[in-house]
Amino acid sequence: MTLILGRREIGAAVDLDAVLDLLAAGYRADAAGPAPLRIRTDLPGPGTATCLMPGWLTDVPAYTVKVNAKFPAATPALRGVVCLHALADGELLALLDSASVTAWRTGLAAALATHTLAPPRAATLGFVGAGAQAATTLAGLRHLRPWSRIVATDLDPARAAALPAEVSPSAIEVAATADVVVLATWSRTPLLRLADVRPGQHLTSLGADEPGKQELAADLLAASRLIVDDVDLALTGGALGSAGLDATACAGTLGEILRGSLPAAAPPSRPSVYSPVGLPWQDLALSWAVYQHALRAGAGTRVDLL
């Protein structure tokens, strides 16, 4: 039997501690195992198609294959499915709504990275873009540490207010107010430059996850301590490539920091930036935790596809 899990079932089954623990373990793990594939193609018209496979983690007896359609003007902008297969025999254990899996795994991975890299005394949190990605990142960051103030800007001010947050008029105003700034947009032009930020400030840029998407200007990235999830992906489809920078602009990866081979703290004289592209094993971390919770709760719809 295959378990079908939609947005409501996934949201109800997200155990923040369980998912954060799996994500941290994934970053700390050796890269040994099947080489991940991230295949993306433009479609005739406004959309793109993406496939991520295999999502694989040591000690998890399953793997994932994710297929996404991205249409920025649509609602929702991302649609697709995550297939959760048994590692032993390929049994299709579950089909999960890809938009929900992506929002939760990216948001919680971003929260883990931001908590790790941001100064311990950071108290004001800012968002540029207040959609689903911002909401899941905020849920993770509130779970990991207290915040005295939250500010946000969005093309729709009502969405920023509903985050919930104090509404700010622009990305520059958010950066002027917040100790930590999370950007989660579809922007293809820089929203912040070096002159807009200050030493010791931390920024997490989630929107630079495809060629041509860019939230932070090249001068800001070059002057910051830049951490990514994967250097090759950052060059081919992430912040480095879109800004025209090479690998020397990157200080290292989040995995290196969580394994202890790089310090978490940036020099106080520089801003710090985390800009991930997203890795297939993160889909497995979220999907496996949700699947196990749904089984225990008797949630979802069971179907026999055979």
C-alpha atoms as a PDB file:
ATOM      1  CA  MET A   1       0.000   0.000   0.000  1.00  0.00           C
ATOM      2  CA  THR A   2       1.104   3.545  -0.781  1.00  0.00           C
ATOM      3  CA  LEU A   3       0.325   6.381   1.625  1.00  0.00           C
ATOM      4  CA  ILE A   4      -0.866   9.648   0.025  1.00  0.00           C
ATOM      5  CA  LEU A   5       0.034  12.713   2.091  1.00  0.00           C
ATOM      6  CA  GLY A   6      -1.221  16.157   1.112  1.00  0.00           C
ATOM      7  CA  ARG A   7      -0.467  19.601   2.479  1.00  0.00           C
ATOM      8  CA  ARG A   8      -2.654  19.310   5.595  1.00  0.00           C
ATOM      9  CA  GLU A   9      -1.357  15.867   6.536  1.00  0.00           C
ATOM     10  CA  ILE A  10       2.260  16.942   6.036  1.00  0.00           C
ATOM     11  CA  GLY A  11       1.844  20.117   8.090  1.00  0.00           C
ATOM     12  CA  ALA A  12       0.241  18.160  10.920  1.00  0.00           C
ATOM     13  CA  ALA A  13       2.990  15.517  10.852  1.00  0.00           C
ATOM     14  CA  VAL A  14       6.048  17.805  10.961  1.00  0.00           C
ATOM     15  CA  ASP A  15       7.898  17.110  14.215  1.00  0.00           C
ATOM     16  CA  LEU A  16      10.364  20.017  14.368  1.00  0.00           C
ATOM     17  CA  ASP A  17      12.863  18.264  16.637  1.00  0.00           C
ATOM     18  CA  ALA A  18      12.842  15.053  14.580  1.00  0.00           C
ATOM     19  CA  VAL A  19      13.305  16.860  11.266  1.00  0.00           C
ATOM     20  CA  LEU A  20      15.990  19.217  12.594  1.00  0.00           C
ATOM     21  CA  ASP A  21      17.891  16.240  14.028  1.00  0.00           C
ATOM     22  CA  LEU A  22      17.760  14.420  10.682  1.00  0.00           C
ATOM     23  CA  LEU A  23      18.865  17.540   8.809  1.00  0.00           C
ATOM     24  CA  ALA A  24      21.794  18.113  11.160  1.00  0.00           C
ATOM     25  CA  ALA A  25      22.830  14.460  10.806  1.00  0.00           C
ATOM     26  CA  GLY A  26      22.616  14.752   7.033  1.00  0.00           C
ATOM     27  CA  TYR A  27      24.927  17.761   6.952  1.00  0.00           C
ATOM     28  CA  ARG A  28      27.406  16.031   9.261  1.00  0.00           C
ATOM     29  CA  ALA A  29      27.448  12.792   7.269  1.00  0.00           C
ATOM     30  CA  ASP A  30      30.138  11.875   4.778  1.00  0.00           C
ATOM     31  CA  ALA A  31      29.300  12.539   1.156  1.00  0.00           C
ATOM     32  CA  ALA A  32      29.782   8.833   0.350  1.00  0.00           C
ATOM     33  CA  GLY A  33      26.827   7.232  -1.418  1.00  0.00           C
ATOM     34  CA  PRO A  34      24.909   7.723  -4.654  1.00  0.00           C
ATOM     35  CA  ALA A  35      25.830  10.953  -6.417  1.00  0.00           C
ATOM     36  CA  PRO A  36      22.827  13.311  -6.273  1.00  0.00           C
ATOM     37  CA  LEU A  37      21.301  14.496  -9.537  1.00  0.00           C
ATOM     38  CA  ARG A  38      19.585  17.856  -9.905  1.00  0.00           C
ATOM     39  CA  ILE A  39      18.062  18.087 -13.375  1.00  0.00           C
ATOM     40  CA  ARG A  40      16.343  21.297 -14.439  1.00  0.00           C
ATOM     41  CA  THR A  41      14.942  22.369 -17.789  1.00  0.00           C
ATOM     42  CA  ASP A  42      13.072  25.385 -19.121  1.00  0.00           C
ATOM     43  CA  LEU A  43       9.641  24.621 -20.561  1.00  0.00           C
ATOM     44  CA  PRO A  44       7.937  26.319 -23.520  1.00  0.00           C
ATOM     45  CA  GLY A  45       6.338  29.280 -21.780  1.00  0.00           C
ATOM     46  CA  PRO A  46       6.890  30.600 -18.263  1.00  0.00           C
ATOM     47  CA  GLY A  47       7.677  27.434 -16.287  1.00  0.00           C
ATOM     48  CA  THR A  48      10.533  25.096 -15.434  1.00  0.00           C
ATOM     49  CA  ALA A  49      10.675  21.390 -14.582  1.00  0.00           C
ATOM     50  CA  THR A  50      13.058  19.988 -11.970  1.00  0.00           C
ATOM     51  CA  CYS A  51      13.916  16.488 -10.779  1.00  0.00           C
ATOM     52  CA  LEU A  52      15.997  15.755  -7.656  1.00  0.00           C
ATOM     53  CA  MET A  53      17.200  12.213  -7.055  1.00  0.00           C
ATOM     54  CA  PRO A  54      18.101  10.195  -5.113  1.00  0.00           C
ATOM     55  CA  GLY A  55      17.401  11.614  -1.684  1.00  0.00           C
ATOM     56  CA  TRP A  56      19.581   9.318   0.414  1.00  0.00           C
ATOM     57  CA  LEU A  57      20.768   9.302   4.038  1.00  0.00           C
ATOM     58  CA  THR A  58      22.808   6.827   6.025  1.00  0.00           C
ATOM     59  CA  ASP A  59      20.610   4.782   8.387  1.00  0.00           C
ATOM     60  CA  VAL A  60      17.333   5.696   6.655  1.00  0.00           C
ATOM     61  CA  PRO A  61      15.962   2.630   4.826  1.00  0.00           C
ATOM     62  CA  ALA A  62      14.338   4.642   2.055  1.00  0.00           C
ATOM     63  CA  TYR A  63      15.118   7.118  -0.713  1.00  0.00           C
ATOM     64  CA  THR A  64      13.214   9.887  -2.501  1.00  0.00           C
ATOM     65  CA  VAL A  65      12.714  11.106  -6.046  1.00  0.00           C
ATOM     66  CA  LYS A  66      11.178  14.573  -6.403  1.00  0.00           C
ATOM     67  CA  VAL A  67       9.577  16.030  -9.519  1.00  0.00           C
ATOM     68  CA  ASN A  68       8.606  19.705  -9.506  1.00  0.00           C
ATOM     69  CA  ALA A  69       6.949  22.184 -11.822  1.00  0.00           C
ATOM     70  CA  LYS A  70       7.747  25.857 -11.072  1.00  0.00           C
ATOM     71  CA  PHE A  71       5.509  28.574 -12.487  1.00  0.00           C
ATOM     72  CA  PRO A  72       6.250  31.850 -10.620  1.00  0.00           C
ATOM     73  CA  ALA A  73       2.977  33.549 -11.616  1.00  0.00           C
ATOM     74  CA  ALA A  74       0.789  30.603 -10.591  1.00  0.00           C
ATOM     75  CA  THR A  75      -0.771  29.923  -7.194  1.00  0.00           C
ATOM     76  CA  PRO A  76       0.849  27.861  -5.844  1.00  0.00           C
ATOM     77  CA  ALA A  77       4.033  28.572  -7.793  1.00  0.00           C
ATOM     78  CA  LEU A  78       5.449  25.106  -7.157  1.00  0.00           C
ATOM     79  CA  ARG A  79       3.585  21.841  -7.726  1.00  0.00           C
ATOM     80  CA  GLY A  80       4.737  18.275  -7.871  1.00  0.00           C
ATOM     81  CA  VAL A  81       5.244  15.069  -5.965  1.00  0.00           C
ATOM     82  CA  VAL A  82       7.882  13.402  -3.798  1.00  0.00           C
ATOM     83  CA  CYS A  83       8.065   9.618  -4.165  1.00  0.00           C
ATOM     84  CA  LEU A  84       9.288   7.825  -1.037  1.00  0.00           C
ATOM     85  CA  HIS A  85      10.635   4.349  -1.902  1.00  0.00           C
ATOM     86  CA  ALA A  86      11.874   1.522   0.293  1.00  0.00           C
ATOM     87  CA  LEU A  87      15.621   1.151  -0.154  1.00  0.00           C
ATOM     88  CA  ALA A  88      15.503  -2.652   0.034  1.00  0.00           C
ATOM     89  CA  ASP A  89      13.076  -3.373  -2.803  1.00  0.00           C
ATOM     90  CA  GLY A  90      11.824  -0.078  -4.254  1.00  0.00           C
ATOM     91  CA  GLU A  91       8.332  -0.360  -2.778  1.00  0.00           C
ATOM     92  CA  LEU A  92       6.522   2.977  -3.168  1.00  0.00           C
ATOM     93  CA  LEU A  93       5.845   3.793   0.480  1.00  0.00           C
ATOM     94  CA  ALA A  94       4.333   7.242   0.035  1.00  0.00           C
ATOM     95  CA  LEU A  95       3.505  10.046  -2.360  1.00  0.00           C
ATOM     96  CA  LEU A  96       3.835  13.474  -0.747  1.00  0.00           C
ATOM     97  CA  ASP A  97       2.865  16.950  -1.929  1.00  0.00           C
ATOM     98  CA  SER A  98       6.127  18.418  -3.196  1.00  0.00           C
ATOM     99  CA  ALA A  99       5.295  22.041  -2.439  1.00  0.00           C
ATOM    100  CA  SER A 100       4.789  21.220   1.240  1.00  0.00           C
ATOM    101  CA  VAL A 101       7.868  19.005   1.471  1.00  0.00           C
ATOM    102  CA  THR A 102       9.989  21.670  -0.242  1.00  0.00           C
ATOM    103  CA  ALA A 103       8.703  24.500   1.927  1.00  0.00           C
ATOM    104  CA  TRP A 104       9.237  22.597   5.177  1.00  0.00           C
ATOM    105  CA  ARG A 105      12.606  21.015   4.380  1.00  0.00           C
ATOM    106  CA  THR A 106      14.028  24.248   2.945  1.00  0.00           C
ATOM    107  CA  GLY A 107      12.640  26.343   5.781  1.00  0.00           C
ATOM    108  CA  LEU A 108      13.883  24.068   8.549  1.00  0.00           C
ATOM    109  CA  ALA A 109      17.286  23.602   6.886  1.00  0.00           C
ATOM    110  CA  ALA A 110      17.496  27.399   6.590  1.00  0.00           C
ATOM    111  CA  ALA A 111      16.530  27.778  10.250  1.00  0.00           C
ATOM    112  CA  LEU A 112      19.230  25.296  11.290  1.00  0.00           C
ATOM    113  CA  ALA A 113      21.858  27.123   9.215  1.00  0.00           C
ATOM    114  CA  THR A 114      20.757  30.580  10.348  1.00  0.00           C
ATOM    115  CA  HIS A 115      20.760  29.567  14.006  1.00  0.00           C
ATOM    116  CA  THR A 116      24.241  28.063  13.568  1.00  0.00           C
ATOM    117  CA  LEU A 117      25.759  31.046  11.749  1.00  0.00           C
ATOM    118  CA  ALA A 118      23.999  34.068  13.263  1.00  0.00           C
ATOM    119  CA  PRO A 119      25.533  35.851  16.264  1.00  0.00           C
ATOM    120  CA  PRO A 120      24.218  34.381  19.550  1.00  0.00           C
ATOM    121  CA  ARG A 121      22.913  37.760  20.709  1.00  0.00           C
ATOM    122  CA  ALA A 122      20.982  38.513  17.512  1.00  0.00           C
ATOM    123  CA  ALA A 123      17.495  39.524  18.625  1.00  0.00           C
ATOM    124  CA  THR A 124      15.733  41.116  15.651  1.00  0.00           C
ATOM    125  CA  LEU A 125      14.757  38.900  12.737  1.00  0.00           C
ATOM    126  CA  GLY A 126      13.823  40.271   9.317  1.00  0.00           C
ATOM    127  CA  PHE A 127      12.227  38.721   6.233  1.00  0.00           C
ATOM    128  CA  VAL A 128      12.322  39.868   2.634  1.00  0.00           C
ATOM    129  CA  GLY A 129       9.495  37.891   1.079  1.00  0.00           C
ATOM    130  CA  ALA A 130       6.761  36.567   3.360  1.00  0.00           C
ATOM    131  CA  GLY A 131       5.398  33.523   1.544  1.00  0.00           C
ATOM    132  CA  ALA A 132       5.296  29.858   2.520  1.00  0.00           C
ATOM    133  CA  GLN A 133       9.086  29.612   2.636  1.00  0.00           C
ATOM    134  CA  ALA A 134       9.328  32.466   5.121  1.00  0.00           C
ATOM    135  CA  ALA A 135       6.625  30.906   7.307  1.00  0.00           C
ATOM    136  CA  THR A 136       8.417  27.556   7.666  1.00  0.00           C
ATOM    137  CA  THR A 137      11.775  29.242   8.264  1.00  0.00           C
ATOM    138  CA  LEU A 138      10.184  31.388  10.962  1.00  0.00           C
ATOM    139  CA  ALA A 139       8.665  28.293  12.600  1.00  0.00           C
ATOM    140  CA  GLY A 140      12.099  26.696  12.780  1.00  0.00           C
ATOM    141  CA  LEU A 141      13.883  29.809  14.017  1.00  0.00           C
ATOM    142  CA  ARG A 142      11.301  30.399  16.756  1.00  0.00           C
ATOM    143  CA  HIS A 143      11.821  26.801  17.850  1.00  0.00           C
ATOM    144  CA  LEU A 144      15.601  27.202  18.006  1.00  0.00           C
ATOM    145  CA  ARG A 145      15.956  30.567  19.768  1.00  0.00           C
ATOM    146  CA  PRO A 146      13.913  33.514  21.078  1.00  0.00           C
ATOM    147  CA  TRP A 147      13.439  36.699  19.025  1.00  0.00           C
ATOM    148  CA  SER A 148      12.443  40.033  20.496  1.00  0.00           C
ATOM    149  CA  ARG A 149      11.199  41.531  17.236  1.00  0.00           C
ATOM    150  CA  ILE A 150      10.246  40.333  13.737  1.00  0.00           C
ATOM    151  CA  VAL A 151       9.971  42.640  10.701  1.00  0.00           C
ATOM    152  CA  ALA A 152       9.102  41.777   7.108  1.00  0.00           C
ATOM    153  CA  THR A 153       8.541  43.230   3.672  1.00  0.00           C
ATOM    154  CA  ASP A 154       6.611  41.685   0.793  1.00  0.00           C
ATOM    155  CA  LEU A 155       5.022  42.787  -2.474  1.00  0.00           C
ATOM    156  CA  ASP A 156       1.760  42.163  -0.606  1.00  0.00           C
ATOM    157  CA  PRO A 157       1.963  44.008   2.753  1.00  0.00           C
ATOM    158  CA  ALA A 158      -0.941  41.952   4.109  1.00  0.00           C
ATOM    159  CA  ARG A 159       1.106  38.794   3.651  1.00  0.00           C
ATOM    160  CA  ALA A 160       3.997  40.326   5.620  1.00  0.00           C
ATOM    161  CA  ALA A 161       1.601  41.285   8.425  1.00  0.00           C
ATOM    162  CA  ALA A 162       0.158  37.759   8.454  1.00  0.00           C
ATOM    163  CA  LEU A 163       3.592  36.154   8.905  1.00  0.00           C
ATOM    164  CA  PRO A 164       3.144  37.676  11.607  1.00  0.00           C
ATOM    165  CA  ALA A 165       5.587  40.580  11.553  1.00  0.00           C
ATOM    166  CA  GLU A 166       5.875  44.338  11.641  1.00  0.00           C
ATOM    167  CA  VAL A 167       5.515  45.502   8.040  1.00  0.00           C
ATOM    168  CA  SER A 168       8.529  47.296   6.555  1.00  0.00           C
ATOM    169  CA  PRO A 169       8.464  49.197   3.237  1.00  0.00           C
ATOM    170  CA  SER A 170      11.529  47.660   1.577  1.00  0.00           C
ATOM    171  CA  ALA A 171      14.358  45.146   1.740  1.00  0.00           C
ATOM    172  CA  ILE A 172      16.764  47.973   2.569  1.00  0.00           C
ATOM    173  CA  GLU A 173      14.609  49.015   5.543  1.00  0.00           C
ATOM    174  CA  VAL A 174      14.478  45.421   6.794  1.00  0.00           C
ATOM    175  CA  ALA A 175      18.272  45.190   6.577  1.00  0.00           C
ATOM    176  CA  ALA A 176      18.623  48.473   8.453  1.00  0.00           C
ATOM    177  CA  THR A 177      16.441  47.150  11.291  1.00  0.00           C
ATOM    178  CA  ALA A 178      17.256  43.451  11.665  1.00  0.00           C
ATOM    179  CA  ASP A 179      20.268  41.613  13.087  1.00  0.00           C
ATOM    180  CA  VAL A 180      19.405  38.610  10.892  1.00  0.00           C
ATOM    181  CA  VAL A 181      17.750  38.846   7.457  1.00  0.00           C
ATOM    182  CA  VAL A 182      16.154  35.928   5.595  1.00  0.00           C
ATOM    183  CA  LEU A 183      15.408  36.507   1.898  1.00  0.00           C
ATOM    184  CA  ALA A 184      12.920  34.172   0.193  1.00  0.00           C
ATOM    185  CA  THR A 185      11.892  35.675  -3.146  1.00  0.00           C
ATOM    186  CA  TRP A 186      11.794  35.021  -6.898  1.00  0.00           C
ATOM    187  CA  SER A 187      14.047  38.021  -7.596  1.00  0.00           C
ATOM    188  CA  ARG A 188      16.387  38.101 -10.594  1.00  0.00           C
ATOM    189  CA  THR A 189      17.962  41.426  -9.615  1.00  0.00           C
ATOM    190  CA  PRO A 190      19.839  42.125  -6.354  1.00  0.00           C
ATOM    191  CA  LEU A 191      17.671  43.343  -3.491  1.00  0.00           C
ATOM    192  CA  LEU A 192      20.571  44.199  -1.160  1.00  0.00           C
ATOM    193  CA  ARG A 193      24.087  45.496  -1.799  1.00  0.00           C
ATOM    194  CA  LEU A 194      27.116  45.841   0.444  1.00  0.00           C
ATOM    195  CA  ALA A 195      26.168  49.418   1.342  1.00  0.00           C
ATOM    196  CA  ASP A 196      22.820  48.160   2.707  1.00  0.00           C
ATOM    197  CA  VAL A 197      24.254  45.855   5.391  1.00  0.00           C
ATOM    198  CA  ARG A 198      26.713  46.121   8.267  1.00  0.00           C
ATOM    199  CA  PRO A 199      29.555  44.084   9.777  1.00  0.00           C
ATOM    200  CA  GLY A 200      28.407  41.314  12.065  1.00  0.00           C
ATOM    201  CA  GLN A 201      24.995  41.051  10.394  1.00  0.00           C
ATOM    202  CA  HIS A 202      23.852  37.662   9.067  1.00  0.00           C
ATOM    203  CA  LEU A 203      21.833  37.099   5.887  1.00  0.00           C
ATOM    204  CA  THR A 204      20.292  33.858   4.618  1.00  0.00           C
ATOM    205  CA  SER A 205      19.387  33.996   0.915  1.00  0.00           C
ATOM    206  CA  LEU A 206      17.006  31.221  -0.163  1.00  0.00           C
ATOM    207  CA  GLY A 207      15.964  32.596  -3.551  1.00  0.00           C
ATOM    208  CA  ALA A 208      19.228  32.057  -5.450  1.00  0.00           C
ATOM    209  CA  ASP A 209      18.418  28.417  -6.166  1.00  0.00           C
ATOM    210  CA  GLU A 210      18.280  28.463  -9.982  1.00  0.00           C
ATOM    211  CA  PRO A 211      20.419  30.066 -12.699  1.00  0.00           C
ATOM    212  CA  GLY A 212      19.643  33.776 -13.008  1.00  0.00           C
ATOM    213  CA  LYS A 213      17.929  34.155  -9.626  1.00  0.00           C
ATOM    214  CA  GLN A 214      19.752  36.669  -7.450  1.00  0.00           C
ATOM    215  CA  GLU A 215      18.889  38.360  -4.156  1.00  0.00           C
ATOM    216  CA  LEU A 216      22.302  39.662  -3.034  1.00  0.00           C
ATOM    217  CA  ALA A 217      24.675  41.722  -5.172  1.00  0.00           C
ATOM    218  CA  ALA A 218      28.153  40.507  -6.107  1.00  0.00           C
ATOM    219  CA  ASP A 219      29.854  43.183  -3.990  1.00  0.00           C
ATOM    220  CA  LEU A 220      27.973  41.985  -0.895  1.00  0.00           C
ATOM    221  CA  LEU A 221      28.736  38.317  -1.522  1.00  0.00           C
ATOM    222  CA  ALA A 222      32.419  39.034  -2.215  1.00  0.00           C
ATOM    223  CA  ALA A 223      32.850  41.096   0.973  1.00  0.00           C
ATOM    224  CA  SER A 224      30.983  38.616   3.223  1.00  0.00           C
ATOM    225  CA  ARG A 225      31.883  35.280   4.733  1.00  0.00           C
ATOM    226  CA  LEU A 226      29.831  33.186   2.312  1.00  0.00           C
ATOM    227  CA  ILE A 227      28.710  29.681   3.280  1.00  0.00           C
ATOM    228  CA  VAL A 228      26.776  27.407   0.879  1.00  0.00           C
ATOM    229  CA  ASP A 229      25.337  23.894   0.984  1.00  0.00           C
ATOM    230  CA  ASP A 230      27.284  22.662  -2.066  1.00  0.00           C
ATOM    231  CA  VAL A 231      30.027  24.616  -3.854  1.00  0.00           C
ATOM    232  CA  ASP A 232      29.490  23.035  -7.290  1.00  0.00           C
ATOM    233  CA  LEU A 233      25.750  23.756  -7.198  1.00  0.00           C
ATOM    234  CA  ALA A 234      26.411  27.317  -6.021  1.00  0.00           C
ATOM    235  CA  LEU A 235      28.621  27.783  -9.084  1.00  0.00           C
ATOM    236  CA  THR A 236      26.299  26.230 -11.645  1.00  0.00           C
ATOM    237  CA  GLY A 237      22.871  27.192 -10.350  1.00  0.00           C
ATOM    238  CA  GLY A 238      23.225  29.272  -7.211  1.00  0.00           C
ATOM    239  CA  ALA A 239      24.521  32.503  -5.733  1.00  0.00           C
ATOM    240  CA  LEU A 240      28.110  32.256  -6.995  1.00  0.00           C
ATOM    241  CA  GLY A 241      27.245  31.606 -10.618  1.00  0.00           C
ATOM    242  CA  SER A 242      24.429  34.147 -10.799  1.00  0.00           C
ATOM    243  CA  ALA A 243      26.722  36.847  -9.363  1.00  0.00           C
ATOM    244  CA  GLY A 244      29.620  35.966 -11.679  1.00  0.00           C
ATOM    245  CA  LEU A 245      31.882  34.853  -8.803  1.00  0.00           C
ATOM    246  CA  ASP A 246      34.160  31.824  -8.601  1.00  0.00           C
ATOM    247  CA  ALA A 247      34.732  29.309  -5.832  1.00  0.00           C
ATOM    248  CA  THR A 248      37.323  31.510  -4.103  1.00  0.00           C
ATOM    249  CA  ALA A 249      34.464  33.779  -2.948  1.00  0.00           C
ATOM    250  CA  CYS A 250      33.080  30.920  -0.828  1.00  0.00           C
ATOM    251  CA  ALA A 251      34.417  30.214   2.662  1.00  0.00           C
ATOM    252  CA  GLY A 252      33.017  26.680   2.809  1.00  0.00           C
ATOM    253  CA  THR A 253      29.877  24.630   3.371  1.00  0.00           C
ATOM    254  CA  LEU A 254      27.411  24.222   6.208  1.00  0.00           C
ATOM    255  CA  GLY A 255      28.424  20.558   6.439  1.00  0.00           C
ATOM    256  CA  GLU A 256      32.019  21.560   7.165  1.00  0.00           C
ATOM    257  CA  ILE A 257      30.818  23.868   9.939  1.00  0.00           C
ATOM    258  CA  LEU A 258      28.537  21.279  11.553  1.00  0.00           C
ATOM    259  CA  ARG A 259      31.310  18.671  11.351  1.00  0.00           C
ATOM    260  CA  GLY A 260      33.620  21.104  13.168  1.00  0.00           C
ATOM    261  CA  SER A 261      36.178  21.599  10.395  1.00  0.00           C
ATOM    262  CA  LEU A 262      35.223  25.278  10.033  1.00  0.00           C
ATOM    263  CA  PRO A 263      34.231  27.727  12.787  1.00  0.00           C
ATOM    264  CA  ALA A 264      30.612  28.836  12.839  1.00  0.00           C
ATOM    265  CA  ALA A 265      31.326  32.453  13.743  1.00  0.00           C
ATOM    266  CA  ALA A 266      32.262  34.948  11.045  1.00  0.00           C
ATOM    267  CA  PRO A 267      34.845  37.676  11.717  1.00  0.00           C
ATOM    268  CA  PRO A 268      32.986  40.572  13.394  1.00  0.00           C
ATOM    269  CA  SER A 269      34.366  42.916  10.725  1.00  0.00           C
ATOM    270  CA  ARG A 270      32.328  41.232   7.957  1.00  0.00           C
ATOM    271  CA  PRO A 271      28.714  40.268   7.282  1.00  0.00           C
ATOM    272  CA  SER A 272      27.984  36.556   6.996  1.00  0.00           C
ATOM    273  CA  VAL A 273      25.824  35.005   4.272  1.00  0.00           C
ATOM    274  CA  TYR A 274      24.300  31.550   3.841  1.00  0.00           C
ATOM    275  CA  SER A 275      22.985  30.836   0.348  1.00  0.00           C
ATOM    276  CA  PRO A 276      21.866  27.237  -0.317  1.00  0.00           C
ATOM    277  CA  VAL A 277      20.576  25.669  -3.523  1.00  0.00           C
ATOM    278  CA  GLY A 278      18.971  22.632  -1.875  1.00  0.00           C
ATOM    279  CA  LEU A 279      20.081  18.991  -1.748  1.00  0.00           C
ATOM    280  CA  PRO A 280      18.047  15.856  -2.521  1.00  0.00           C
ATOM    281  CA  TRP A 281      18.704  14.199   0.848  1.00  0.00           C
ATOM    282  CA  GLN A 282      16.837  17.049   2.562  1.00  0.00           C
ATOM    283  CA  ASP A 283      13.645  15.808   0.886  1.00  0.00           C
ATOM    284  CA  LEU A 284      14.244  12.403   2.454  1.00  0.00           C
ATOM    285  CA  ALA A 285      14.878  13.865   5.906  1.00  0.00           C
ATOM    286  CA  LEU A 286      11.518  15.643   5.861  1.00  0.00           C
ATOM    287  CA  SER A 287       9.589  12.913   4.057  1.00  0.00           C
ATOM    288  CA  TRP A 288      10.849  10.077   6.275  1.00  0.00           C
ATOM    289  CA  ALA A 289      10.029  11.924   9.498  1.00  0.00           C
ATOM    290  CA  VAL A 290       6.570  12.861   8.195  1.00  0.00           C
ATOM    291  CA  TYR A 291       5.895   9.316   6.926  1.00  0.00           C
ATOM    292  CA  GLN A 292       6.800   7.754  10.270  1.00  0.00           C
ATOM    293  CA  HIS A 293       4.599  10.239  12.146  1.00  0.00           C
ATOM    294  CA  ALA A 294       1.683   9.672   9.733  1.00  0.00           C
ATOM    295  CA  LEU A 295       1.928   5.897  10.156  1.00  0.00           C
ATOM    296  CA  ARG A 296       1.735   6.205  13.926  1.00  0.00           C
ATOM    297  CA  ALA A 297      -1.193   8.643  13.702  1.00  0.00           C
ATOM    298  CA  GLY A 298      -3.097   6.692  11.045  1.00  0.00           C
ATOM    299  CA  ALA A 299      -3.065   9.782   8.813  1.00  0.00           C
ATOM    300  CA  GLY A 300      -3.207  10.020   5.026  1.00  0.00           C
ATOM    301  CA  THR A 301      -4.959   7.968   2.371  1.00  0.00           C
ATOM    302  CA  ARG A 302      -3.831   4.454   1.542  1.00  0.00           C
ATOM    303  CA  VAL A 303      -4.079   3.283  -2.056  1.00  0.00           C
ATOM    304  CA  ASP A 304      -2.981   0.171  -3.936  1.00  0.00           C
ATOM    305  CA  LEU A 305      -1.394   1.503  -7.157  1.00  0.00           C
ATOM    306  CA  LEU A 306      -0.694  -2.049  -8.309  1.00  0.00           C
END
